[in-house]
Amino acid sequence: MKKITFDEEEMFVIAVFNPDTRSNTIHIMSEVLPELKDDQDMFDLLLSAMEKLKRISDDEYKKMDLTEYRDEIEWAIEEEGKEDPEEEGQQMEQIGTDKPQEQAESDSAYVDNSMEEDE
């Protein structure tokens, strides 16, 4: 029997749907599959991973090290939730003024000119 190998994308998909057992993972993936009918690439990826999971044993499943993939998924989720502080500061500056951007720029140019005259 040929050894079943999973590519990187399949490992990520399995890590996303990875509950406690191989059969539960397959079950959850099969429930999501119909929702992916409009995304052929994801549908095919999920189907491929499911078919390979069906062909390995529970012991082989337990030996799969998905830690790296789960960690990367968790990191991506955490990063998605963070705001860019610099961007947020710029937004706050724009909210704090009632003047259009061009007027604000000309005012700051005026301030710069008056500072030069004081010297």
PDB file of N, CA and C in Angstrom:
ATOM      1  N   MET A   1       0.853  -1.188   0.000  1.00  0.00           N
ATOM      2  CA  MET A   1       0.000   0.000   0.000  1.00  0.00           C
ATOM      3  C   MET A   1       0.890   1.239   0.000  1.00  0.00           C
ATOM      4  N   LYS A   2       0.554   2.202  -0.835  1.00  0.00           N
ATOM      5  CA  LYS A   2       1.316   3.434  -0.966  1.00  0.00           C
ATOM      6  C   LYS A   2       1.052   4.354   0.230  1.00  0.00           C
ATOM      7  N   LYS A   3       2.136   4.970   0.733  1.00  0.00           N
ATOM      8  CA  LYS A   3       2.003   5.896   1.855  1.00  0.00           C
ATOM      9  C   LYS A   3       1.283   7.163   1.388  1.00  0.00           C
ATOM     10  N   ILE A   4       0.332   7.597   2.188  1.00  0.00           N
ATOM     11  CA  ILE A   4      -0.442   8.797   1.877  1.00  0.00           C
ATOM     12  C   ILE A   4       0.318  10.008   2.427  1.00  0.00           C
ATOM     13  N   THR A   5       0.529  11.002   1.567  1.00  0.00           N
ATOM     14  CA  THR A   5       1.176  12.234   2.014  1.00  0.00           C
ATOM     15  C   THR A   5       0.261  13.416   1.737  1.00  0.00           C
ATOM     16  N   PHE A   6       0.298  14.365   2.640  1.00  0.00           N
ATOM     17  CA  PHE A   6      -0.513  15.569   2.537  1.00  0.00           C
ATOM     18  C   PHE A   6       0.394  16.735   2.176  1.00  0.00           C
ATOM     19  N   ASP A   7      -0.059  17.581   1.252  1.00  0.00           N
ATOM     20  CA  ASP A   7       0.733  18.767   0.930  1.00  0.00           C
ATOM     21  C   ASP A   7       0.450  19.849   1.982  1.00  0.00           C
ATOM     22  N   GLU A   8       1.186  20.954   1.885  1.00  0.00           N
ATOM     23  CA  GLU A   8       1.080  22.037   2.873  1.00  0.00           C
ATOM     24  C   GLU A   8      -0.356  22.569   2.999  1.00  0.00           C
ATOM     25  N   GLU A   9      -0.996  22.808   1.882  1.00  0.00           N
ATOM     26  CA  GLU A   9      -2.354  23.352   1.915  1.00  0.00           C
ATOM     27  C   GLU A   9      -3.322  22.387   2.581  1.00  0.00           C
ATOM     28  N   GLU A  10      -3.170  21.112   2.301  1.00  0.00           N
ATOM     29  CA  GLU A  10      -4.039  20.108   2.925  1.00  0.00           C
ATOM     30  C   GLU A  10      -3.798  20.065   4.437  1.00  0.00           C
ATOM     31  N   MET A  11      -2.541  20.208   4.842  1.00  0.00           N
ATOM     32  CA  MET A  11      -2.233  20.214   6.270  1.00  0.00           C
ATOM     33  C   MET A  11      -2.886  21.421   6.957  1.00  0.00           C
ATOM     34  N   PHE A  12      -2.852  22.579   6.303  1.00  0.00           N
ATOM     35  CA  PHE A  12      -3.515  23.757   6.864  1.00  0.00           C
ATOM     36  C   PHE A  12      -5.011  23.530   6.994  1.00  0.00           C
ATOM     37  N   VAL A  13      -5.619  22.970   5.964  1.00  0.00           N
ATOM     38  CA  VAL A  13      -7.063  22.714   6.002  1.00  0.00           C
ATOM     39  C   VAL A  13      -7.397  21.754   7.138  1.00  0.00           C
ATOM     40  N   ILE A  14      -6.617  20.719   7.280  1.00  0.00           N
ATOM     41  CA  ILE A  14      -6.866  19.755   8.357  1.00  0.00           C
ATOM     42  C   ILE A  14      -6.698  20.429   9.711  1.00  0.00           C
ATOM     43  N   ALA A  15      -5.692  21.292   9.837  1.00  0.00           N
ATOM     44  CA  ALA A  15      -5.466  22.003  11.101  1.00  0.00           C
ATOM     45  C   ALA A  15      -6.658  22.897  11.446  1.00  0.00           C
ATOM     46  N   VAL A  16      -7.270  23.485  10.441  1.00  0.00           N
ATOM     47  CA  VAL A  16      -8.441  24.338  10.674  1.00  0.00           C
ATOM     48  C   VAL A  16      -9.601  23.506  11.228  1.00  0.00           C
ATOM     49  N   PHE A  17      -9.805  22.328  10.651  1.00  0.00           N
ATOM     50  CA  PHE A  17     -10.959  21.489  11.022  1.00  0.00           C
ATOM     51  C   PHE A  17     -10.599  20.379  11.994  1.00  0.00           C
ATOM     52  N   ASN A  18      -9.467  20.455  12.629  1.00  0.00           N
ATOM     53  CA  ASN A  18      -8.933  19.358  13.412  1.00  0.00           C
ATOM     54  C   ASN A  18      -9.550  19.215  14.800  1.00  0.00           C
ATOM     55  N   PRO A  19     -10.611  18.458  14.929  1.00  0.00           N
ATOM     56  CA  PRO A  19     -11.071  18.118  16.277  1.00  0.00           C
ATOM     57  C   PRO A  19     -10.287  16.910  16.801  1.00  0.00           C
ATOM     58  N   ASP A  20     -10.866  16.192  17.713  1.00  0.00           N
ATOM     59  CA  ASP A  20     -10.141  15.137  18.418  1.00  0.00           C
ATOM     60  C   ASP A  20      -9.828  13.884  17.602  1.00  0.00           C
ATOM     61  N   THR A  21     -10.653  13.548  16.627  1.00  0.00           N
ATOM     62  CA  THR A  21     -10.425  12.288  15.895  1.00  0.00           C
ATOM     63  C   THR A  21     -10.474  12.490  14.381  1.00  0.00           C
ATOM     64  N   ARG A  22      -9.934  11.534  13.690  1.00  0.00           N
ATOM     65  CA  ARG A  22      -9.938  11.552  12.229  1.00  0.00           C
ATOM     66  C   ARG A  22     -11.369  11.548  11.700  1.00  0.00           C
ATOM     67  N   SER A  23     -12.207  10.694  12.239  1.00  0.00           N
ATOM     68  CA  SER A  23     -13.582  10.609  11.747  1.00  0.00           C
ATOM     69  C   SER A  23     -14.358  11.898  12.017  1.00  0.00           C
ATOM     70  N   ASN A  24     -14.125  12.538  13.150  1.00  0.00           N
ATOM     71  CA  ASN A  24     -14.794  13.820  13.424  1.00  0.00           C
ATOM     72  C   ASN A  24     -14.293  14.911  12.473  1.00  0.00           C
ATOM     73  N   THR A  25     -13.006  14.886  12.161  1.00  0.00           N
ATOM     74  CA  THR A  25     -12.449  15.860  11.222  1.00  0.00           C
ATOM     75  C   THR A  25     -13.105  15.694   9.857  1.00  0.00           C
ATOM     76  N   ILE A  26     -13.201  14.464   9.398  1.00  0.00           N
ATOM     77  CA  ILE A  26     -13.835  14.175   8.108  1.00  0.00           C
ATOM     78  C   ILE A  26     -15.297  14.615   8.124  1.00  0.00           C
ATOM     79  N   HIS A  27     -15.975  14.340   9.227  1.00  0.00           N
ATOM     80  CA  HIS A  27     -17.393  14.697   9.347  1.00  0.00           C
ATOM     81  C   HIS A  27     -17.587  16.214   9.248  1.00  0.00           C
ATOM     82  N   ILE A  28     -16.795  16.971   9.986  1.00  0.00           N
ATOM     83  CA  ILE A  28     -16.920  18.432   9.968  1.00  0.00           C
ATOM     84  C   ILE A  28     -16.588  18.974   8.577  1.00  0.00           C
ATOM     85  N   MET A  29     -15.552  18.436   7.962  1.00  0.00           N
ATOM     86  CA  MET A  29     -15.171  18.880   6.621  1.00  0.00           C
ATOM     87  C   MET A  29     -16.303  18.599   5.627  1.00  0.00           C
ATOM     88  N   SER A  30     -16.944  17.446   5.768  1.00  0.00           N
ATOM     89  CA  SER A  30     -18.033  17.100   4.840  1.00  0.00           C
ATOM     90  C   SER A  30     -19.232  18.029   5.018  1.00  0.00           C
ATOM     91  N   GLU A  31     -19.431  18.541   6.232  1.00  0.00           N
ATOM     92  CA  GLU A  31     -20.529  19.483   6.466  1.00  0.00           C
ATOM     93  C   GLU A  31     -20.257  20.835   5.817  1.00  0.00           C
ATOM     94  N   VAL A  32     -18.985  21.215   5.739  1.00  0.00           N
ATOM     95  CA  VAL A  32     -18.603  22.508   5.159  1.00  0.00           C
ATOM     96  C   VAL A  32     -18.533  22.442   3.637  1.00  0.00           C
ATOM     97  N   LEU A  33     -18.260  21.289   3.107  1.00  0.00           N
ATOM     98  CA  LEU A  33     -18.050  21.110   1.672  1.00  0.00           C
ATOM     99  C   LEU A  33     -19.141  21.744   0.804  1.00  0.00           C
ATOM    100  N   PRO A  34     -20.429  21.554   1.101  1.00  0.00           N
ATOM    101  CA  PRO A  34     -21.467  22.165   0.254  1.00  0.00           C
ATOM    102  C   PRO A  34     -21.406  23.697   0.213  1.00  0.00           C
ATOM    103  N   GLU A  35     -20.895  24.313   1.278  1.00  0.00           N
ATOM    104  CA  GLU A  35     -20.800  25.770   1.319  1.00  0.00           C
ATOM    105  C   GLU A  35     -19.698  26.297   0.397  1.00  0.00           C
ATOM    106  N   LEU A  36     -18.822  25.411  -0.045  1.00  0.00           N
ATOM    107  CA  LEU A  36     -17.697  25.822  -0.887  1.00  0.00           C
ATOM    108  C   LEU A  36     -17.943  25.567  -2.367  1.00  0.00           C
ATOM    109  N   LYS A  37     -19.164  25.271  -2.737  1.00  0.00           N
ATOM    110  CA  LYS A  37     -19.448  24.925  -4.131  1.00  0.00           C
ATOM    111  C   LYS A  37     -19.121  26.059  -5.099  1.00  0.00           C
ATOM    112  N   ASP A  38     -19.123  27.313  -4.619  1.00  0.00           N
ATOM    113  CA  ASP A  38     -18.804  28.453  -5.479  1.00  0.00           C
ATOM    114  C   ASP A  38     -17.305  28.755  -5.541  1.00  0.00           C
ATOM    115  N   ASP A  39     -16.531  28.108  -4.688  1.00  0.00           N
ATOM    116  CA  ASP A  39     -15.077  28.309  -4.674  1.00  0.00           C
ATOM    117  C   ASP A  39     -14.428  26.970  -5.036  1.00  0.00           C
ATOM    118  N   GLN A  40     -14.245  26.755  -6.324  1.00  0.00           N
ATOM    119  CA  GLN A  40     -13.782  25.461  -6.817  1.00  0.00           C
ATOM    120  C   GLN A  40     -12.430  25.050  -6.229  1.00  0.00           C
ATOM    121  N   ASP A  41     -11.507  26.005  -6.083  1.00  0.00           N
ATOM    122  CA  ASP A  41     -10.190  25.667  -5.530  1.00  0.00           C
ATOM    123  C   ASP A  41     -10.290  25.160  -4.096  1.00  0.00           C
ATOM    124  N   MET A  42     -11.052  25.867  -3.268  1.00  0.00           N
ATOM    125  CA  MET A  42     -11.216  25.433  -1.877  1.00  0.00           C
ATOM    126  C   MET A  42     -11.988  24.129  -1.801  1.00  0.00           C
ATOM    127  N   PHE A  43     -12.990  23.995  -2.638  1.00  0.00           N
ATOM    128  CA  PHE A  43     -13.767  22.762  -2.683  1.00  0.00           C
ATOM    129  C   PHE A  43     -12.853  21.575  -2.996  1.00  0.00           C
ATOM    130  N   ASP A  44     -12.026  21.737  -4.031  1.00  0.00           N
ATOM    131  CA  ASP A  44     -11.119  20.658  -4.423  1.00  0.00           C
ATOM    132  C   ASP A  44     -10.089  20.344  -3.335  1.00  0.00           C
ATOM    133  N   LEU A  45      -9.583  21.384  -2.693  1.00  0.00           N
ATOM    134  CA  LEU A  45      -8.605  21.200  -1.623  1.00  0.00           C
ATOM    135  C   LEU A  45      -9.211  20.434  -0.457  1.00  0.00           C
ATOM    136  N   LEU A  46     -10.379  20.843  -0.048  1.00  0.00           N
ATOM    137  CA  LEU A  46     -11.060  20.174   1.061  1.00  0.00           C
ATOM    138  C   LEU A  46     -11.391  18.729   0.710  1.00  0.00           C
ATOM    139  N   LEU A  47     -11.871  18.515  -0.488  1.00  0.00           N
ATOM    140  CA  LEU A  47     -12.206  17.168  -0.933  1.00  0.00           C
ATOM    141  C   LEU A  47     -10.968  16.274  -0.967  1.00  0.00           C
ATOM    142  N   SER A  48      -9.865  16.794  -1.470  1.00  0.00           N
ATOM    143  CA  SER A  48      -8.615  16.040  -1.525  1.00  0.00           C
ATOM    144  C   SER A  48      -8.142  15.651  -0.122  1.00  0.00           C
ATOM    145  N   ALA A  49      -8.177  16.616   0.790  1.00  0.00           N
ATOM    146  CA  ALA A  49      -7.754  16.337   2.167  1.00  0.00           C
ATOM    147  C   ALA A  49      -8.664  15.292   2.814  1.00  0.00           C
ATOM    148  N   MET A  50      -9.958  15.406   2.577  1.00  0.00           N
ATOM    149  CA  MET A  50     -10.904  14.434   3.135  1.00  0.00           C
ATOM    150  C   MET A  50     -10.644  13.031   2.607  1.00  0.00           C
ATOM    151  N   GLU A  51     -10.439  12.931   1.306  1.00  0.00           N
ATOM    152  CA  GLU A  51     -10.207  11.610   0.694  1.00  0.00           C
ATOM    153  C   GLU A  51      -8.940  10.965   1.248  1.00  0.00           C
ATOM    154  N   LYS A  52      -7.910  11.775   1.452  1.00  0.00           N
ATOM    155  CA  LYS A  52      -6.673  11.239   2.023  1.00  0.00           C
ATOM    156  C   LYS A  52      -6.871  10.831   3.480  1.00  0.00           C
ATOM    157  N   LEU A  53      -7.637  11.617   4.227  1.00  0.00           N
ATOM    158  CA  LEU A  53      -7.920  11.263   5.619  1.00  0.00           C
ATOM    159  C   LEU A  53      -8.675   9.936   5.706  1.00  0.00           C
ATOM    160  N   LYS A  54      -9.535   9.696   4.752  1.00  0.00           N
ATOM    161  CA  LYS A  54     -10.287   8.434   4.733  1.00  0.00           C
ATOM    162  C   LYS A  54      -9.375   7.234   4.497  1.00  0.00           C
ATOM    163  N   ARG A  55      -8.231   7.478   3.847  1.00  0.00           N
ATOM    164  CA  ARG A  55      -7.335   6.379   3.482  1.00  0.00           C
ATOM    165  C   ARG A  55      -6.228   6.108   4.501  1.00  0.00           C
ATOM    166  N   ILE A  56      -6.151   6.935   5.570  1.00  0.00           N
ATOM    167  CA  ILE A  56      -5.157   6.665   6.603  1.00  0.00           C
ATOM    168  C   ILE A  56      -5.851   6.103   7.834  1.00  0.00           C
ATOM    169  N   SER A  57      -5.070   5.520   8.715  1.00  0.00           N
ATOM    170  CA  SER A  57      -5.638   4.948   9.943  1.00  0.00           C
ATOM    171  C   SER A  57      -5.747   6.014  11.030  1.00  0.00           C
ATOM    172  N   ASP A  58      -6.499   5.679  12.070  1.00  0.00           N
ATOM    173  CA  ASP A  58      -6.615   6.592  13.206  1.00  0.00           C
ATOM    174  C   ASP A  58      -5.253   6.817  13.859  1.00  0.00           C
ATOM    175  N   ASP A  59      -4.427   5.771  13.919  1.00  0.00           N
ATOM    176  CA  ASP A  59      -3.087   5.907  14.492  1.00  0.00           C
ATOM    177  C   ASP A  59      -2.222   6.862  13.669  1.00  0.00           C
ATOM    178  N   GLU A  60      -2.311   6.771  12.347  1.00  0.00           N
ATOM    179  CA  GLU A  60      -1.561   7.691  11.487  1.00  0.00           C
ATOM    180  C   GLU A  60      -2.048   9.124  11.687  1.00  0.00           C
ATOM    181  N   TYR A  61      -3.346   9.279  11.867  1.00  0.00           N
ATOM    182  CA  TYR A  61      -3.918  10.601  12.103  1.00  0.00           C
ATOM    183  C   TYR A  61      -3.371  11.191  13.405  1.00  0.00           C
ATOM    184  N   LYS A  62      -3.347  10.379  14.450  1.00  0.00           N
ATOM    185  CA  LYS A  62      -2.849  10.843  15.748  1.00  0.00           C
ATOM    186  C   LYS A  62      -1.384  11.262  15.678  1.00  0.00           C
ATOM    187  N   LYS A  63      -0.639  10.672  14.764  1.00  0.00           N
ATOM    188  CA  LYS A  63       0.789  10.986  14.626  1.00  0.00           C
ATOM    189  C   LYS A  63       1.038  12.235  13.785  1.00  0.00           C
ATOM    190  N   MET A  64       0.014  12.715  13.116  1.00  0.00           N
ATOM    191  CA  MET A  64       0.179  13.924  12.299  1.00  0.00           C
ATOM    192  C   MET A  64       0.489  15.104  13.211  1.00  0.00           C
ATOM    193  N   ASP A  65       1.579  15.795  12.934  1.00  0.00           N
ATOM    194  CA  ASP A  65       1.948  16.954  13.740  1.00  0.00           C
ATOM    195  C   ASP A  65       1.425  18.215  13.071  1.00  0.00           C
ATOM    196  N   LEU A  66       0.320  18.691  13.594  1.00  0.00           N
ATOM    197  CA  LEU A  66      -0.322  19.878  13.027  1.00  0.00           C
ATOM    198  C   LEU A  66      -0.038  21.127  13.858  1.00  0.00           C
ATOM    199  N   THR A  67       0.852  21.001  14.835  1.00  0.00           N
ATOM    200  CA  THR A  67       1.149  22.109  15.739  1.00  0.00           C
ATOM    201  C   THR A  67       1.592  23.356  14.995  1.00  0.00           C
ATOM    202  N   GLU A  68       2.524  23.202  14.075  1.00  0.00           N
ATOM    203  CA  GLU A  68       3.044  24.336  13.302  1.00  0.00           C
ATOM    204  C   GLU A  68       1.918  25.033  12.540  1.00  0.00           C
ATOM    205  N   TYR A  69       1.027  24.261  11.971  1.00  0.00           N
ATOM    206  CA  TYR A  69      -0.075  24.813  11.184  1.00  0.00           C
ATOM    207  C   TYR A  69      -1.094  25.509  12.080  1.00  0.00           C
ATOM    208  N   ARG A  70      -1.398  24.900  13.222  1.00  0.00           N
ATOM    209  CA  ARG A  70      -2.331  25.520  14.162  1.00  0.00           C
ATOM    210  C   ARG A  70      -1.755  26.823  14.705  1.00  0.00           C
ATOM    211  N   ASP A  71      -0.450  26.813  15.028  1.00  0.00           N
ATOM    212  CA  ASP A  71       0.200  28.022  15.532  1.00  0.00           C
ATOM    213  C   ASP A  71       0.124  29.145  14.506  1.00  0.00           C
ATOM    214  N   GLU A  72       0.357  28.819  13.257  1.00  0.00           N
ATOM    215  CA  GLU A  72       0.310  29.834  12.203  1.00  0.00           C
ATOM    216  C   GLU A  72      -1.108  30.369  12.024  1.00  0.00           C
ATOM    217  N   ILE A  73      -2.086  29.500  12.127  1.00  0.00           N
ATOM    218  CA  ILE A  73      -3.485  29.924  12.021  1.00  0.00           C
ATOM    219  C   ILE A  73      -3.829  30.850  13.181  1.00  0.00           C
ATOM    220  N   GLU A  74      -3.440  30.486  14.391  1.00  0.00           N
ATOM    221  CA  GLU A  74      -3.705  31.318  15.565  1.00  0.00           C
ATOM    222  C   GLU A  74      -3.021  32.670  15.434  1.00  0.00           C
ATOM    223  N   TRP A  75      -1.777  32.673  14.945  1.00  0.00           N
ATOM    224  CA  TRP A  75      -1.038  33.921  14.757  1.00  0.00           C
ATOM    225  C   TRP A  75      -1.765  34.819  13.759  1.00  0.00           C
ATOM    226  N   ALA A  76      -2.228  34.224  12.660  1.00  0.00           N
ATOM    227  CA  ALA A  76      -2.933  34.993  11.633  1.00  0.00           C
ATOM    228  C   ALA A  76      -4.223  35.591  12.190  1.00  0.00           C
ATOM    229  N   ILE A  77      -4.922  34.849  13.007  1.00  0.00           N
ATOM    230  CA  ILE A  77      -6.162  35.340  13.614  1.00  0.00           C
ATOM    231  C   ILE A  77      -5.858  36.495  14.559  1.00  0.00           C
ATOM    232  N   GLU A  78      -4.804  36.365  15.353  1.00  0.00           N
ATOM    233  CA  GLU A  78      -4.419  37.435  16.268  1.00  0.00           C
ATOM    234  C   GLU A  78      -4.024  38.695  15.497  1.00  0.00           C
ATOM    235  N   GLU A  79      -3.254  38.521  14.433  1.00  0.00           N
ATOM    236  CA  GLU A  79      -2.816  39.662  13.626  1.00  0.00           C
ATOM    237  C   GLU A  79      -3.990  40.349  12.952  1.00  0.00           C
ATOM    238  N   GLU A  80      -4.958  39.583  12.544  1.00  0.00           N
ATOM    239  CA  GLU A  80      -6.138  40.135  11.874  1.00  0.00           C
ATOM    240  C   GLU A  80      -6.920  41.034  12.824  1.00  0.00           C
ATOM    241  N   GLY A  81      -6.906  40.709  14.100  1.00  0.00           N
ATOM    242  CA  GLY A  81      -7.645  41.473  15.089  1.00  0.00           C
ATOM    243  C   GLY A  81      -6.961  42.759  15.515  1.00  0.00           C
ATOM    244  N   LYS A  82      -5.678  42.906  15.210  1.00  0.00           N
ATOM    245  CA  LYS A  82      -4.932  44.092  15.622  1.00  0.00           C
ATOM    246  C   LYS A  82      -5.108  45.210  14.613  1.00  0.00           C
ATOM    247  N   GLU A  83      -5.172  46.445  15.126  1.00  0.00           N
ATOM    248  CA  GLU A  83      -5.227  47.637  14.280  1.00  0.00           C
ATOM    249  C   GLU A  83      -3.809  48.152  14.118  1.00  0.00           C
ATOM    250  N   ASP A  84      -3.531  48.805  13.012  1.00  0.00           N
ATOM    251  CA  ASP A  84      -2.251  49.467  12.797  1.00  0.00           C
ATOM    252  C   ASP A  84      -2.287  50.771  13.584  1.00  0.00           C
ATOM    253  N   PRO A  85      -1.480  50.910  14.657  1.00  0.00           N
ATOM    254  CA  PRO A  85      -1.545  52.114  15.491  1.00  0.00           C
ATOM    255  C   PRO A  85      -1.244  53.392  14.706  1.00  0.00           C
ATOM    256  N   GLU A  86      -0.321  53.352  13.754  1.00  0.00           N
ATOM    257  CA  GLU A  86       0.006  54.542  12.971  1.00  0.00           C
ATOM    258  C   GLU A  86      -1.187  54.961  12.129  1.00  0.00           C
ATOM    259  N   GLU A  87      -1.841  53.978  11.490  1.00  0.00           N
ATOM    260  CA  GLU A  87      -3.004  54.276  10.670  1.00  0.00           C
ATOM    261  C   GLU A  87      -4.131  54.823  11.537  1.00  0.00           C
ATOM    262  N   GLU A  88      -4.291  54.239  12.712  1.00  0.00           N
ATOM    263  CA  GLU A  88      -5.338  54.688  13.624  1.00  0.00           C
ATOM    264  C   GLU A  88      -5.081  56.127  14.049  1.00  0.00           C
ATOM    265  N   GLY A  89      -3.828  56.504  14.310  1.00  0.00           N
ATOM    266  CA  GLY A  89      -3.474  57.866  14.682  1.00  0.00           C
ATOM    267  C   GLY A  89      -3.780  58.842  13.573  1.00  0.00           C
ATOM    268  N   GLN A  90      -3.503  58.476  12.343  1.00  0.00           N
ATOM    269  CA  GLN A  90      -3.790  59.335  11.202  1.00  0.00           C
ATOM    270  C   GLN A  90      -5.293  59.547  11.060  1.00  0.00           C
ATOM    271  N   GLN A  91      -6.060  58.494  11.296  1.00  0.00           N
ATOM    272  CA  GLN A  91      -7.505  58.611  11.211  1.00  0.00           C
ATOM    273  C   GLN A  91      -8.016  59.564  12.283  1.00  0.00           C
ATOM    274  N   MET A  92      -7.446  59.478  13.483  1.00  0.00           N
ATOM    275  CA  MET A  92      -7.868  60.346  14.571  1.00  0.00           C
ATOM    276  C   MET A  92      -7.543  61.799  14.262  1.00  0.00           C
ATOM    277  N   GLU A  93      -6.390  62.071  13.643  1.00  0.00           N
ATOM    278  CA  GLU A  93      -6.027  63.432  13.264  1.00  0.00           C
ATOM    279  C   GLU A  93      -7.039  63.992  12.270  1.00  0.00           C
ATOM    280  N   GLN A  94      -7.439  63.181  11.305  1.00  0.00           N
ATOM    281  CA  GLN A  94      -8.392  63.638  10.301  1.00  0.00           C
ATOM    282  C   GLN A  94      -9.769  63.856  10.915  1.00  0.00           C
ATOM    283  N   ILE A  95     -10.136  63.049  11.869  1.00  0.00           N
ATOM    284  CA  ILE A  95     -11.432  63.197  12.527  1.00  0.00           C
ATOM    285  C   ILE A  95     -11.453  64.475  13.350  1.00  0.00           C
ATOM    286  N   GLY A  96     -10.303  64.846  13.925  1.00  0.00           N
ATOM    287  CA  GLY A  96     -10.213  66.004  14.811  1.00  0.00           C
ATOM    288  C   GLY A  96     -10.308  67.344  14.112  1.00  0.00           C
ATOM    289  N   THR A  97     -10.309  67.402  12.829  1.00  0.00           N
ATOM    290  CA  THR A  97     -10.390  68.676  12.118  1.00  0.00           C
ATOM    291  C   THR A  97     -11.625  68.714  11.238  1.00  0.00           C
ATOM    292  N   ASP A  98     -12.232  69.888  11.164  1.00  0.00           N
ATOM    293  CA  ASP A  98     -13.392  70.057  10.293  1.00  0.00           C
ATOM    294  C   ASP A  98     -12.980  70.573   8.926  1.00  0.00           C
ATOM    295  N   LYS A  99     -11.696  70.934   8.759  1.00  0.00           N
ATOM    296  CA  LYS A  99     -11.222  71.513   7.513  1.00  0.00           C
ATOM    297  C   LYS A  99     -10.939  70.424   6.491  1.00  0.00           C
ATOM    298  N   PRO A 100     -11.156  70.722   5.226  1.00  0.00           N
ATOM    299  CA  PRO A 100     -10.758  69.773   4.189  1.00  0.00           C
ATOM    300  C   PRO A 100      -9.245  69.588   4.214  1.00  0.00           C
ATOM    301  N   GLN A 101      -8.772  68.475   3.668  1.00  0.00           N
ATOM    302  CA  GLN A 101      -7.355  68.138   3.684  1.00  0.00           C
ATOM    303  C   GLN A 101      -6.507  69.246   3.068  1.00  0.00           C
ATOM    304  N   GLU A 102      -6.926  69.840   1.929  1.00  0.00           N
ATOM    305  CA  GLU A 102      -6.143  70.888   1.275  1.00  0.00           C
ATOM    306  C   GLU A 102      -6.004  72.103   2.181  1.00  0.00           C
ATOM    307  N   GLN A 103      -7.076  72.475   2.870  1.00  0.00           N
ATOM    308  CA  GLN A 103      -7.041  73.625   3.773  1.00  0.00           C
ATOM    309  C   GLN A 103      -6.110  73.350   4.939  1.00  0.00           C
ATOM    310  N   ALA A 104      -6.159  72.133   5.479  1.00  0.00           N
ATOM    311  CA  ALA A 104      -5.285  71.775   6.591  1.00  0.00           C
ATOM    312  C   ALA A 104      -3.829  71.842   6.155  1.00  0.00           C
ATOM    313  N   GLU A 105      -3.522  71.393   4.926  1.00  0.00           N
ATOM    314  CA  GLU A 105      -2.149  71.449   4.428  1.00  0.00           C
ATOM    315  C   GLU A 105      -1.693  72.889   4.246  1.00  0.00           C
ATOM    316  N   SER A 106      -2.561  73.769   3.727  1.00  0.00           N
ATOM    317  CA  SER A 106      -2.160  75.157   3.527  1.00  0.00           C
ATOM    318  C   SER A 106      -1.962  75.854   4.873  1.00  0.00           C
ATOM    319  N   ASP A 107      -2.779  75.528   5.880  1.00  0.00           N
ATOM    320  CA  ASP A 107      -2.602  76.100   7.213  1.00  0.00           C
ATOM    321  C   ASP A 107      -1.262  75.710   7.809  1.00  0.00           C
ATOM    322  N   SER A 108      -0.885  74.428   7.661  1.00  0.00           N
ATOM    323  CA  SER A 108       0.384  73.991   8.217  1.00  0.00           C
ATOM    324  C   SER A 108       1.531  74.627   7.457  1.00  0.00           C
ATOM    325  N   ALA A 109       1.369  74.921   6.158  1.00  0.00           N
ATOM    326  CA  ALA A 109       2.405  75.615   5.402  1.00  0.00           C
ATOM    327  C   ALA A 109       2.533  77.034   5.922  1.00  0.00           C
ATOM    328  N   TYR A 110       1.416  77.648   6.259  1.00  0.00           N
ATOM    329  CA  TYR A 110       1.436  78.997   6.807  1.00  0.00           C
ATOM    330  C   TYR A 110       2.175  79.025   8.134  1.00  0.00           C
ATOM    331  N   VAL A 111       1.895  78.032   8.998  1.00  0.00           N
ATOM    332  CA  VAL A 111       2.566  77.952  10.289  1.00  0.00           C
ATOM    333  C   VAL A 111       4.065  77.804  10.078  1.00  0.00           C
ATOM    334  N   ASP A 112       4.473  76.971   9.124  1.00  0.00           N
ATOM    335  CA  ASP A 112       5.887  76.778   8.842  1.00  0.00           C
ATOM    336  C   ASP A 112       6.519  78.091   8.400  1.00  0.00           C
ATOM    337  N   ASN A 113       5.841  78.881   7.559  1.00  0.00           N
ATOM    338  CA  ASN A 113       6.376  80.146   7.076  1.00  0.00           C
ATOM    339  C   ASN A 113       6.542  81.143   8.215  1.00  0.00           C
ATOM    340  N   SER A 114       5.564  81.213   9.108  1.00  0.00           N
ATOM    341  CA  SER A 114       5.658  82.167  10.204  1.00  0.00           C
ATOM    342  C   SER A 114       6.782  81.779  11.150  1.00  0.00           C
ATOM    343  N   MET A 115       7.039  80.519  11.306  1.00  0.00           N
ATOM    344  CA  MET A 115       8.137  80.071  12.164  1.00  0.00           C
ATOM    345  C   MET A 115       9.470  80.515  11.577  1.00  0.00           C
ATOM    346  N   GLU A 116       9.596  80.474  10.232  1.00  0.00           N
ATOM    347  CA  GLU A 116      10.831  80.903   9.593  1.00  0.00           C
ATOM    348  C   GLU A 116      11.059  82.388   9.792  1.00  0.00           C
ATOM    349  N   GLU A 117       9.986  83.186   9.787  1.00  0.00           N
ATOM    350  CA  GLU A 117      10.104  84.623   9.947  1.00  0.00           C
ATOM    351  C   GLU A 117      10.543  84.987  11.347  1.00  0.00           C
ATOM    352  N   ASP A 118      10.145  84.185  12.356  1.00  0.00           N
ATOM    353  CA  ASP A 118      10.501  84.468  13.743  1.00  0.00           C
ATOM    354  C   ASP A 118      11.988  84.314  13.991  1.00  0.00           C
ATOM    355  N   GLU A 119      12.645  83.487  13.212  1.00  0.00           N
ATOM    356  CA  GLU A 119      14.064  83.233  13.427  1.00  0.00           C
ATOM    357  C   GLU A 119      14.886  84.325  12.964  1.00  0.00           C
TER     358      GLU A 119
END
